[in-house]
Protein backbone atom coordinates (compact mmCIF):
# COMPACT_ATOMS: atom_id res chain seq x y z
CA GLU A 1 133.66 141.62 126.66
CA SER A 2 134.92 140.30 123.30
CA LEU A 3 133.80 136.81 124.32
CA GLY A 4 130.33 138.17 124.98
CA GLN A 5 130.31 139.87 121.57
CA ILE A 6 131.27 136.60 119.89
CA GLU A 7 128.47 134.78 121.71
CA THR A 8 126.00 137.48 120.68
CA TRP A 9 127.18 137.25 117.06
CA ILE A 10 126.83 133.44 117.08
CA LEU A 11 123.34 133.76 118.51
CA LEU A 12 122.34 136.30 115.85
CA GLU A 13 123.69 134.06 113.08
CA TYR A 14 121.83 131.13 114.62
CA LYS A 15 118.58 133.11 114.65
CA LYS A 16 119.11 134.25 111.05
CA MET A 17 119.70 130.66 109.94
CA GLN A 18 116.67 129.50 111.92
CA GLN A 19 114.45 132.05 110.15
CA LYS A 20 115.90 131.13 106.75
CA HIS A 21 115.16 127.46 107.43
CA LYS A 22 111.60 128.36 108.43
CA ASP A 23 111.20 130.31 105.20
CA VAL A 24 112.38 127.28 103.22
CA LEU A 25 109.96 124.94 105.02
CA ARG A 26 107.08 127.38 104.58
CA ARG A 27 107.73 127.62 100.85
CA ARG A 28 107.94 123.82 100.51
CA SER A 29 104.74 123.19 102.46
CA GLU A 30 102.46 126.07 101.50
CA SER A 31 100.86 124.25 98.56
CA MET A 32 98.82 121.08 98.54
CA LEU A 33 97.74 118.85 95.68
CA PHE A 34 94.41 117.07 95.44
CA TYR A 35 94.62 113.37 94.71
CA ASN A 36 94.90 112.94 90.92
CA SER A 37 95.19 116.70 90.41
CA ARG A 38 96.39 118.13 87.13
CA HIS A 39 98.75 121.00 86.32
CA GLY A 40 97.27 124.19 87.68
CA ASP A 41 95.19 122.46 90.39
CA LYS A 42 97.61 123.43 93.19
CA ILE A 43 95.96 125.26 96.08
CA LEU A 44 97.11 126.73 99.39
CA PHE A 45 97.57 124.26 102.23
CA SER A 46 95.94 126.69 104.65
CA GLU A 47 92.77 126.71 102.52
CA HIS A 48 92.48 122.94 102.20
CA TYR A 49 93.78 121.40 105.44
CA VAL A 50 91.06 119.69 107.48
CA ASN A 51 91.71 118.66 111.08
CA LEU A 52 92.54 115.00 111.67
CA LEU A 53 91.46 113.01 114.71
CA LEU A 54 94.57 111.84 116.60
CA VAL A 55 94.24 109.30 119.41
CA ASP A 56 96.96 108.81 122.03
CA GLY A 57 97.65 105.22 123.00
CA HIS A 58 98.49 101.90 121.36
CA GLN A 59 95.73 100.49 119.13
CA ALA A 60 96.26 97.01 117.71
CA LEU A 61 94.77 96.06 114.34
CA GLU A 62 93.60 92.57 113.45
CA ILE A 63 96.45 91.34 111.27
CA LYS A 64 94.26 88.69 109.67
CA ARG A 65 92.17 91.41 108.02
CA HIS A 66 92.86 93.89 105.26
CA GLU A 67 94.25 96.99 107.01
CA VAL A 68 91.50 99.35 105.77
CA LEU A 69 88.78 96.92 106.86
CA ALA A 70 90.46 96.18 110.18
CA PHE A 71 90.79 99.88 110.92
CA GLY A 72 87.12 100.38 110.08
CA GLN A 73 86.24 98.10 112.98
CA LYS A 74 88.94 99.58 115.25
CA ARG A 75 87.56 103.06 114.62
CA LEU A 76 84.11 101.92 115.71
CA SER A 77 85.53 100.73 119.04
CA LEU A 78 87.43 104.00 119.43
CA GLN A 79 84.18 105.92 119.08
CA HIS A 80 82.56 103.81 121.78
CA LYS A 81 85.56 104.20 124.12
CA SER A 82 86.12 107.94 123.66
CA GLY A 83 86.08 108.44 127.42
CA LEU A 84 88.99 106.03 127.85
CA GLN A 85 91.08 107.27 124.93
CA ARG A 86 92.72 110.69 124.84
CA LYS A 87 92.44 112.85 121.77
CA ILE A 88 95.65 114.69 121.08
CA ALA A 89 96.45 117.78 119.00
CA PRO A 90 99.53 117.99 116.74
CA ALA A 91 100.99 120.56 119.15
CA GLU A 92 100.84 118.00 121.98
CA LEU A 93 102.73 115.18 120.28
CA PHE A 94 105.86 115.73 122.38
CA SER A 95 104.23 117.00 125.56
CA ARG A 96 104.93 114.91 128.65
CA THR A 97 102.30 112.56 130.01
CA ASN A 98 103.91 112.92 133.43
CA GLU A 99 106.82 114.85 134.86
CA LYS A 100 109.19 111.89 135.00
CA ARG A 101 109.33 110.61 131.43
CA PRO A 102 110.22 112.91 128.49
CA ILE A 103 108.68 112.14 125.11
CA LYS A 104 111.48 111.85 122.54
CA LYS A 105 110.34 109.24 120.01
CA VAL A 106 106.78 109.40 118.66
CA LEU A 107 105.27 106.85 116.26
CA VAL A 108 102.29 108.11 114.25
CA THR A 109 100.46 105.31 112.49
CA GLY A 110 97.36 104.97 110.34
CA VAL A 111 96.06 103.08 107.33
CA ALA A 112 96.75 104.08 103.72
CA GLY A 113 95.27 107.48 102.83
CA ILE A 114 94.40 108.43 106.41
CA GLY A 115 96.56 111.58 106.44
CA LYS A 116 100.02 110.72 107.83
CA THR A 117 101.93 112.77 105.26
CA VAL A 118 99.38 115.57 105.51
CA LEU A 119 100.00 115.70 109.28
CA VAL A 120 103.73 115.98 108.57
CA GLN A 121 103.02 118.83 106.17
CA LYS A 122 100.87 120.50 108.83
CA ILE A 123 103.79 120.44 111.30
CA LEU A 124 106.25 121.79 108.70
CA PHE A 125 103.76 124.46 107.63
CA ASP A 126 103.11 125.61 111.20
CA PHE A 127 106.85 125.69 111.98
CA GLY A 128 107.49 127.73 108.84
CA GLN A 129 104.73 130.12 109.91
CA ASN A 130 106.54 130.72 113.24
CA LYS A 131 103.94 128.77 115.20
CA ASP A 132 106.52 127.39 117.61
CA HIS A 133 104.04 125.37 119.65
CA LEU A 134 106.24 122.27 119.46
CA GLY A 135 109.14 124.10 121.08
CA PHE A 136 111.91 123.17 118.62
CA ASP A 137 114.53 125.42 117.07
CA PHE A 138 114.91 123.29 113.95
CA VAL A 139 112.82 120.67 112.17
CA ILE A 140 114.48 118.29 109.68
CA HIS A 141 112.19 116.33 107.37
CA MET A 142 113.21 113.15 105.54
CA SER A 143 111.07 110.98 103.28
CA PHE A 144 111.72 107.26 102.97
CA ARG A 145 110.85 107.57 99.27
CA ASP A 146 114.03 109.65 98.91
CA LEU A 147 116.08 107.47 101.23
CA ASN A 148 115.28 104.45 99.04
CA LEU A 149 117.53 105.88 96.33
CA ILE A 150 120.66 105.71 98.49
CA ASP A 151 122.57 102.53 97.68
CA LYS A 152 125.96 103.22 99.27
CA PRO A 153 127.28 104.15 102.74
CA THR A 154 126.66 107.73 103.85
CA ASN A 155 126.35 109.63 107.13
CA PHE A 156 123.64 111.50 108.97
CA ARG A 157 125.16 114.89 108.23
CA GLU A 158 125.00 114.22 104.51
CA LEU A 159 121.45 112.93 104.81
CA VAL A 160 120.42 116.27 106.31
CA LEU A 161 122.28 118.36 103.72
CA ARG A 162 120.80 116.51 100.75
CA LYS A 163 117.79 118.84 100.80
CA ASN A 164 119.03 121.44 103.28
CA ARG A 165 122.27 122.84 101.85
CA HIS A 166 121.36 126.20 103.36
CA LEU A 167 122.15 124.69 106.80
CA SER A 168 125.73 123.71 105.96
CA LYS A 169 127.45 126.49 107.95
CA GLU A 170 125.37 126.03 111.10
CA LEU A 171 124.67 122.29 110.97
CA ASP A 172 127.41 121.28 113.39
CA TYR A 173 126.04 123.72 115.97
CA ILE A 174 122.48 122.49 115.36
CA LEU A 175 123.46 118.84 115.83
CA ALA A 176 125.50 119.69 118.92
CA ASN A 177 122.34 121.21 120.46
CA ASP A 178 120.13 118.28 119.51
CA ASP A 179 117.74 118.77 122.43
CA LYS A 180 116.10 121.51 120.32
CA LEU A 181 116.00 119.42 117.14
CA LEU A 182 113.01 117.51 115.71
CA ILE A 183 113.67 114.93 113.00
CA ILE A 184 110.62 113.75 111.01
CA LEU A 185 110.91 110.43 109.16
CA ASP A 186 107.88 109.99 106.91
CA GLY A 187 106.68 106.68 105.45
CA PHE A 188 108.61 103.95 107.28
CA ASP A 189 106.47 101.28 105.58
CA GLU A 190 107.72 102.56 102.19
CA PHE A 191 111.39 102.03 103.14
CA ARG A 192 112.95 99.21 101.15
CA HIS A 193 114.98 98.14 104.20
CA TYR A 194 112.34 98.57 106.91
CA ARG A 195 112.79 94.96 107.99
CA SER A 196 116.45 95.58 108.92
CA CYS A 197 116.35 98.72 111.10
CA ASP A 198 116.57 96.80 114.39
CA VAL A 199 120.36 96.93 114.18
CA ASP A 200 123.03 95.92 116.67
CA VAL A 201 125.83 97.80 114.88
CA PHE A 202 125.44 101.41 115.95
CA VAL A 203 126.49 104.80 114.64
CA SER A 204 127.19 107.39 117.34
CA GLU A 205 128.51 110.41 115.40
CA PRO A 206 126.74 112.41 112.63
CA GLU A 207 129.90 112.23 110.42
CA GLU A 208 130.27 108.45 110.74
CA ASP A 209 129.63 106.59 107.48
CA ALA A 210 127.31 103.57 107.47
CA GLU A 211 124.41 102.01 105.60
CA VAL A 212 121.18 104.02 105.73
CA ASN A 213 119.33 101.41 107.80
CA GLU A 214 122.17 101.43 110.38
CA ILE A 215 122.04 105.23 110.64
CA LEU A 216 118.26 105.29 111.07
CA GLY A 217 118.30 102.33 113.48
CA SER A 218 120.91 104.13 115.59
CA LEU A 219 118.81 107.31 115.55
CA LEU A 220 115.65 105.48 116.62
CA GLN A 221 117.43 103.62 119.40
CA GLY A 222 119.04 106.78 120.79
CA GLU A 223 122.62 105.86 119.97
CA LEU A 224 122.88 108.74 117.50
CA LEU A 225 121.79 112.23 118.64
CA PRO A 226 120.32 110.84 121.89
CA ASN A 227 118.71 114.16 122.90
CA ALA A 228 116.96 114.76 119.55
CA SER A 229 113.23 114.21 119.14
CA VAL A 230 112.07 111.90 116.35
CA MET A 231 108.64 111.57 114.76
CA LEU A 232 108.15 108.44 112.66
CA THR A 233 105.10 107.76 110.47
CA SER A 234 104.09 104.33 109.17
CA ARG A 235 101.21 102.20 108.04
CA PRO A 236 100.35 99.44 110.56
CA THR A 237 101.81 96.77 108.26
CA ALA A 238 105.42 97.69 109.11
CA ILE A 239 105.39 98.78 112.76
CA ASN A 240 106.42 95.34 114.05
CA HIS A 241 109.82 95.99 112.48
CA ILE A 242 110.47 99.16 114.51
CA PRO A 243 113.04 98.43 117.25
CA VAL A 244 111.19 97.37 120.41
CA GLY A 245 111.38 99.79 123.33
CA CYS A 246 112.45 102.89 121.45
CA ILE A 247 109.00 104.48 121.06
CA ASP A 248 107.82 106.79 123.87
CA ARG A 249 104.40 107.60 122.44
CA TYR A 250 102.13 105.77 119.99
CA VAL A 251 99.57 107.93 118.16
CA LEU A 252 96.86 106.66 115.82
CA ILE A 253 95.37 108.87 113.11
CA ALA A 254 91.65 108.06 113.09
CA GLY A 255 90.86 110.18 110.03
CA PHE A 256 87.80 112.40 109.84
CA SER A 257 84.83 112.73 112.13
CA ILE A 258 81.49 113.60 110.55
CA ASN A 259 82.15 117.32 111.06
CA GLU A 260 85.49 117.07 109.27
CA VAL A 261 83.84 115.24 106.37
CA GLN A 262 81.46 118.20 106.00
CA ASP A 263 84.41 120.61 106.22
CA PHE A 264 86.26 118.63 103.53
CA PHE A 265 83.25 118.85 101.21
CA LEU A 266 83.05 122.60 101.72
CA ARG A 267 86.73 123.10 100.92
CA TYR A 268 86.57 120.76 97.91
CA PHE A 269 83.52 122.29 96.23
CA GLN A 270 84.24 125.88 97.35
CA ASP A 271 80.50 126.61 97.47
CA ALA A 272 78.44 126.10 100.63
CA THR A 273 75.20 125.33 98.77
CA VAL A 274 76.81 122.76 96.48
CA ALA A 275 78.77 121.22 99.36
CA ASP A 276 75.61 120.86 101.49
CA ARG A 277 73.73 119.23 98.63
CA MET A 278 76.57 116.79 97.92
CA PHE A 279 76.96 115.93 101.61
CA SER A 280 73.23 115.23 101.82
CA MET A 281 73.56 112.80 98.91
CA VAL A 282 76.43 110.99 100.65
CA SER A 283 74.62 110.96 104.01
CA ALA A 284 71.75 109.12 102.34
CA ASN A 285 74.18 106.40 101.22
CA GLU A 286 75.36 104.52 104.30
CA LEU A 287 78.24 102.83 102.49
CA MET A 288 79.76 106.03 101.10
CA LEU A 289 79.37 107.90 104.38
CA THR A 290 80.97 105.08 106.37
CA LEU A 291 84.08 105.09 104.16
CA CYS A 292 84.51 108.87 104.13
CA TYR A 293 86.44 108.71 107.41
CA ILE A 294 89.52 108.13 105.22
CA PRO A 295 90.54 111.49 103.70
CA ALA A 296 91.78 109.89 100.46
CA PHE A 297 88.46 108.11 100.04
CA CYS A 298 86.62 111.34 100.83
CA SER A 299 88.44 112.87 97.87
CA ILE A 300 87.42 109.93 95.66
CA VAL A 301 83.76 110.42 96.62
CA CYS A 302 83.96 114.15 95.89
CA CYS A 303 85.49 113.40 92.48
CA ILE A 304 82.57 111.06 91.69
CA LEU A 305 79.98 113.59 92.82
CA ASN A 306 81.63 116.33 90.78
CA GLU A 307 81.09 114.30 87.60
CA SER A 308 77.97 112.34 88.58
CA LYS A 309 75.59 114.64 86.74
CA ASP A 310 76.67 112.93 83.51
CA LEU A 311 76.91 109.35 84.77
CA CYS A 312 73.16 108.76 84.95
CA GLY A 313 73.72 105.68 87.11
CA GLU A 314 71.88 104.60 90.23
CA SER A 315 73.23 105.44 93.65
CA PRO A 316 76.14 103.11 94.56
CA LYS A 317 75.13 100.08 96.60
CA THR A 318 78.53 98.39 96.85
CA MET A 319 82.23 99.25 97.07
CA THR A 320 82.69 98.24 93.44
CA ASP A 321 79.89 100.57 92.33
CA ILE A 322 81.77 103.49 93.88
CA TYR A 323 85.08 102.67 92.23
CA VAL A 324 83.55 101.94 88.83
CA GLN A 325 81.98 105.40 88.93
CA TYR A 326 85.33 106.83 90.05
CA LEU A 327 87.03 105.23 87.04
CA VAL A 328 84.48 106.68 84.64
CA ALA A 329 84.47 110.10 86.34
CA LEU A 330 88.25 110.48 86.15
CA LEU A 331 88.46 109.25 82.56
CA ARG A 332 85.86 111.79 81.53
CA SER A 333 87.27 114.62 83.62
CA HIS A 334 90.87 114.21 82.51
CA THR A 335 90.20 113.56 78.84
CA GLN A 336 87.63 116.37 78.59
CA SER A 337 85.49 114.02 76.54
CA ARG A 338 81.93 112.83 76.89
CA THR A 339 82.35 110.01 74.39
CA LYS A 340 83.56 106.51 75.11
CA THR A 341 87.12 106.54 76.41
CA CYS A 342 88.65 103.08 76.31
CA PRO A 343 92.10 102.64 77.87
CA GLU A 344 94.44 101.72 75.04
CA ASP A 345 96.05 98.88 76.93
CA GLN A 346 96.08 97.14 80.29
CA GLY A 347 99.55 98.26 81.33
CA LEU A 348 98.27 100.16 84.36
CA GLY A 349 96.16 97.21 85.49
CA ARG A 350 99.05 94.82 84.94
CA LEU A 351 101.26 97.03 87.12
CA ALA A 352 98.59 97.25 89.83
CA PHE A 353 98.07 93.48 89.85
CA LYS A 354 101.74 92.49 89.88
CA LYS A 355 102.69 94.97 92.61
CA LEU A 356 99.66 94.03 94.74
CA MET A 357 100.79 90.41 94.69
CA GLU A 358 104.26 91.62 95.74
CA HIS A 359 102.80 93.83 98.54
CA GLN A 360 104.22 96.97 96.87
CA THR A 361 102.51 100.36 96.69
CA LEU A 362 105.41 102.48 95.37
CA PHE A 363 106.71 102.15 91.83
CA TYR A 364 110.01 103.75 90.78
CA SER A 365 110.67 104.91 87.21
CA SER A 366 113.71 102.61 87.03
CA ASP A 367 111.40 99.60 87.48
CA GLN A 368 110.91 97.74 84.19
CA ASP A 369 107.18 97.40 84.89
CA VAL A 370 106.89 101.19 85.16
CA ALA A 371 109.08 101.81 82.12
CA GLY A 372 106.59 99.75 80.12
CA LEU A 373 103.92 102.39 80.78
CA GLU A 374 105.70 105.06 78.78
CA GLY A 375 103.18 106.68 76.46
CA CYS A 376 100.16 105.40 78.40
CA SER A 377 97.83 108.39 78.81
CA MET A 378 96.20 106.92 81.91
CA VAL A 379 99.37 107.26 84.02
CA SER A 380 98.85 110.98 84.69
CA THR A 381 95.17 110.35 85.35
CA PHE A 382 95.35 107.59 87.93
CA LEU A 383 98.88 107.66 89.38
CA ASP A 384 100.22 110.29 91.76
CA THR A 385 103.78 111.25 90.90
CA THR A 386 106.49 112.59 93.19
CA VAL A 387 110.17 113.13 92.55
CA ALA A 388 112.69 111.44 94.83
CA GLN A 389 116.08 113.12 94.81
CA GLU A 390 119.54 112.02 95.82
CA PRO A 391 122.71 113.87 94.76
CA GLY A 392 123.47 112.62 91.28
CA CYS A 393 120.15 110.77 91.03
CA THR A 394 116.60 111.95 90.45
CA GLU A 395 113.82 109.42 90.06
CA GLU A 396 110.07 109.61 89.69
CA VAL A 397 108.01 107.67 92.21
CA PHE A 398 104.48 106.59 91.29
CA SER A 399 101.60 105.40 93.46
CA PHE A 400 97.87 105.10 93.18
CA ALA A 401 95.82 107.74 95.02
CA HIS A 402 94.92 105.08 97.58
CA LEU A 403 95.71 101.43 98.26
CA THR A 404 92.12 100.49 97.39
CA VAL A 405 92.44 102.17 93.96
CA GLN A 406 95.40 99.88 93.22
CA GLU A 407 93.33 96.89 94.34
CA PHE A 408 90.47 97.97 92.09
CA PHE A 409 92.75 98.29 89.04
CA ALA A 410 94.29 94.91 89.82
CA ALA A 411 90.83 93.34 89.93
CA LEU A 412 89.83 95.13 86.71
CA TYR A 413 92.91 93.74 84.98
CA CYS A 414 92.08 90.24 86.20
CA ALA A 415 88.48 90.62 84.94
CA VAL A 416 89.18 91.79 81.39
CA THR A 417 92.26 89.65 80.61
CA ASP A 418 93.13 85.96 80.82
CA GLN A 419 95.11 86.53 84.02
CA PRO A 420 94.31 83.57 86.32
CA LEU A 421 93.18 84.09 89.90
CA PRO A 422 95.96 84.40 92.51
CA ASP A 423 96.88 81.09 94.11
CA ALA A 424 95.64 82.32 97.51
CA MET A 425 92.12 82.60 96.08
CA GLN A 426 91.92 79.21 94.43
CA SER A 427 90.47 77.43 97.46
CA SER A 428 87.28 78.25 99.33
CA ASP A 429 89.08 79.18 102.58
CA ASN A 430 91.00 82.07 100.90
CA GLN A 431 93.94 81.91 103.30
CA ASN A 432 95.57 85.26 102.44
CA ASN A 433 95.60 87.01 105.86
CA GLY A 434 93.10 89.51 104.52
CA HIS A 435 95.58 90.87 101.95
CA LEU A 436 93.27 90.01 99.03
CA ASP A 437 89.89 90.55 100.71
CA LEU A 438 89.09 93.80 98.90
CA PHE A 439 90.64 92.56 95.66
CA SER A 440 88.28 89.56 95.68
CA ARG A 441 85.28 91.79 96.44
CA PHE A 442 86.19 94.21 93.65
CA LEU A 443 86.65 91.30 91.23
CA SER A 444 83.24 89.92 92.15
CA GLY A 445 81.59 93.32 91.70
CA ILE A 446 83.30 94.01 88.35
CA LEU A 447 82.25 90.59 87.04
CA SER A 448 78.62 91.18 88.03
CA ASP A 449 76.18 91.76 85.19
CA ARG A 450 75.34 95.28 86.36
CA ASN A 451 78.91 96.61 86.51
CA SER A 452 80.28 94.68 83.54
CA ASN A 453 77.48 96.14 81.40
CA PHE A 454 78.08 99.63 82.83
CA LEU A 455 81.82 99.46 82.04
CA SER A 456 81.10 98.22 78.54
CA ARG A 457 78.68 101.07 77.85
CA GLN A 458 80.69 103.86 79.44
CA VAL A 459 84.35 103.11 78.62
CA GLY A 460 84.32 100.12 76.28
CA LEU A 461 85.88 97.67 78.75
CA HIS A 462 84.60 94.11 78.29
CA CYS A 463 84.87 91.42 80.94
CA GLN A 464 85.68 87.91 79.70
CA LYS A 465 82.41 85.96 79.57
CA GLU A 466 84.00 82.71 80.67
CA LYS A 467 85.53 84.47 83.67
CA VAL A 468 82.14 85.96 84.61
CA GLU A 469 80.60 82.49 84.70
CA MET A 470 83.63 80.93 86.35
CA TYR A 471 83.67 83.45 89.19
CA ARG A 472 79.94 83.24 89.79
CA GLN A 473 80.32 79.48 90.01
CA LYS A 474 83.25 79.89 92.41
CA ILE A 475 81.19 82.08 94.77
CA THR A 476 78.26 79.66 94.89
CA THR A 477 80.55 76.64 95.32
CA ASP A 478 82.53 78.36 98.08
CA LEU A 479 79.30 79.37 99.83
CA ALA A 480 78.01 75.79 99.72
CA VAL A 481 81.27 74.42 101.17
CA LEU A 482 81.53 77.06 103.90
CA CYS A 483 77.86 76.73 104.88
CA GLU A 484 78.30 72.99 105.20
CA ASN A 485 81.55 72.86 107.18
CA GLY A 486 81.00 76.02 109.26
CA ALA A 487 84.31 77.67 108.28
CA HIS A 488 84.67 81.44 108.33
CA ILE A 489 82.42 82.91 105.65
CA LEU A 490 82.40 86.72 105.95
CA ASN A 491 84.50 87.65 102.92
CA CYS A 492 82.56 85.21 100.76
CA LEU A 493 79.32 86.92 101.88
CA HIS A 494 80.83 90.24 100.81
CA CYS A 495 81.67 88.81 97.38
CA LEU A 496 78.05 87.68 97.07
CA PHE A 497 76.85 91.13 98.17
CA GLU A 498 79.01 92.80 95.48
CA GLN A 499 77.22 90.73 92.80
CA GLN A 500 73.76 92.01 93.82
CA ASP A 501 72.17 89.03 92.05
CA PRO A 502 69.43 87.24 94.05
CA SER A 503 69.44 84.23 91.70
CA MET A 504 72.90 83.00 92.62
CA THR A 505 72.59 81.08 95.89
CA LEU A 506 69.48 78.96 96.43
CA PRO A 507 70.03 76.11 93.94
CA VAL A 508 73.37 74.92 95.37
CA LEU A 509 73.16 75.58 99.10
CA PRO A 510 72.47 72.79 101.59
CA GLU A 511 69.16 72.83 103.47
CA LEU A 512 70.94 73.35 106.79
CA LEU A 513 73.25 76.38 106.85
CA ARG A 514 76.14 77.01 109.22
CA VAL A 515 77.09 80.70 109.13
CA ASN A 516 80.32 81.52 110.95
CA VAL A 517 81.44 85.16 111.10
CA SER A 518 83.09 84.93 114.54
CA ASP A 519 86.20 86.62 115.94
CA GLU A 520 86.03 89.80 113.87
CA THR A 521 84.55 93.07 115.10
CA LEU A 522 81.75 93.66 112.63
CA ALA A 523 81.12 97.03 110.99
CA GLN A 524 77.84 98.11 109.44
CA MET A 525 79.02 96.94 106.00
CA ASP A 526 79.55 93.47 107.44
CA HIS A 527 76.07 93.42 108.96
CA ASN A 528 74.65 94.50 105.59
CA ALA A 529 76.36 91.58 103.84
CA ILE A 530 75.11 89.12 106.48
CA LYS A 531 71.56 90.45 106.28
CA TYR A 532 71.64 90.29 102.46
CA PHE A 533 72.60 86.61 102.59
CA LEU A 534 69.97 85.77 105.21
CA THR A 535 67.36 87.51 103.05
CA LEU A 536 68.35 85.52 99.94
CA THR A 537 68.21 82.21 101.82
CA GLU A 538 64.71 82.72 103.24
CA GLY A 539 63.17 79.29 103.73
CA LYS A 540 66.39 77.51 104.63
CA ILE A 541 67.20 76.57 108.22
CA LEU A 542 70.17 78.13 110.02
CA SER A 543 71.58 75.22 111.95
CA GLU A 544 74.16 77.61 113.41
CA LEU A 545 74.84 81.35 113.41
CA ASP A 546 78.14 82.17 115.15
CA LEU A 547 78.55 85.81 116.19
CA THR A 548 81.10 85.10 118.93
CA ALA A 549 83.50 88.00 119.65
CA THR A 550 82.06 90.22 116.92
CA GLY A 551 81.06 93.15 119.12
CA VAL A 552 77.42 92.44 118.32
CA ASN A 553 75.01 94.71 120.21
CA CYS A 554 71.28 95.13 120.70
CA ASP A 555 70.85 97.20 117.53
CA SER A 556 72.74 94.63 115.45
CA LEU A 557 70.56 91.80 116.72
CA SER A 558 67.39 93.84 116.20
CA ASN A 559 68.46 94.34 112.59
CA ILE A 560 68.49 90.56 111.94
CA GLN A 561 65.65 89.71 114.34
CA PRO A 562 63.24 88.60 111.56
CA PHE A 563 65.72 85.84 110.60
CA LEU A 564 66.47 84.50 114.06
CA HIS A 565 63.39 82.25 114.21
CA ARG A 566 65.14 80.06 111.58
CA CYS A 567 68.20 79.68 113.80
CA GLN A 568 68.71 76.45 115.76
CA ARG A 569 71.90 77.58 117.53
CA LEU A 570 72.92 81.20 118.05
CA TRP A 571 76.35 81.88 119.46
């Protein structure tokens, strides 16, 4: 009888601790910040969360392309294959696909700004609200931004207690019953040691000290807490470094559908009439609507629309147009000024450029490049700030609202200073594995007459005249070389499209043009750039147009039909 009383008491204490942990998670996850929000802009997660489209099954991205661009094409193919792919709800992440194989390790991937961390917050929020649809007793959340601060051996138990001291009395019991435990590891691509998690030195006990990468590698490979469930989030750039064979389910976040974009607008503007009017404006702009599948970009568009009544500019035609208006909108919104607001220095652009070249998207306050921004008023306007904590160490972590915002600032810095072009862009073939594709397009658009004049008028930023001429010359020279030798030309066509200057091409191009855009699934933006070039070169003969393996369909061909009579060979 006394043994039964002890068991009942243990169970009651366990339930009390479980509810306390849920209360903690609910409090931590109940608020949500807009991108680039200011003090006082915090709103309830339940009022702002918009459903994300999750697709079950492995989806490869073209590694030779910029991840946002590659995913744009992948998303198109997902839409066309919806009957073959299975949509999955957050509550189904760990549900079995068949009776034989349990799902223990789930990888959730998606491009920058697509909603990986928001999905994590959704799971924590639902668990804290007693929505036990995942079937776990405890959920432990760890961020790789925090784990980056640990520079000495530790153990898994201490990793858990770092932000969950309230679990100290019951943690041994929780870890001993790991079949009811979910561990969420958010932001694998942000981990400084993500390349070294495929370890062969394992940790098997929660109290065993080791390096952080050894602990996490052991957890992922089932050597540590083998019955626990693990959810890992990562951008596609890092998933090749996850130990092979340890993932039971691969889930891709495909962002918003058109209905979710409308829902996002409604929640952002908090007025149905205003939201409908703004969505109608975006729907009329094919470029803006196409990019709104990324939640972070959707927020950027809403920010622009919120301030656009004072911009008096024409509707954006190019990616650069959108980001130039975003720059002006945020400067005006956050300075509460309608006069010219010139950034006092180029520290933010210098940071964006240097870290882009180093493939870094997180900047820690201990970094000398970040320390140099002290006193720069634009930091709070354009950088999101979180606090990473480790016992005895607290550090601010900065990032741009989206990877493309960092690329835009890097291009802006290159345009208004004497910073030379990156080495990877010096030749016409631009062999950079797509890493600098958007950077080069932004640079071209910023150096165009229309945007350089707009920036000068609105915020007092002046592009270097010699760089404007140099880059225009580079585009025309590259086009001539690529049209003559038939090398891949798509990104160069996009750079031309960003200029929106019909006078640039005809004088230098050969009479016979070879246009090769093969081996990349083309999105509507790509077709627009191709059509723009074919329009500008009216009168010249297309000796070859190569559309091999581009996913070209009847509609795409109909769109360029008027130009096909000039084509000698169509692949």
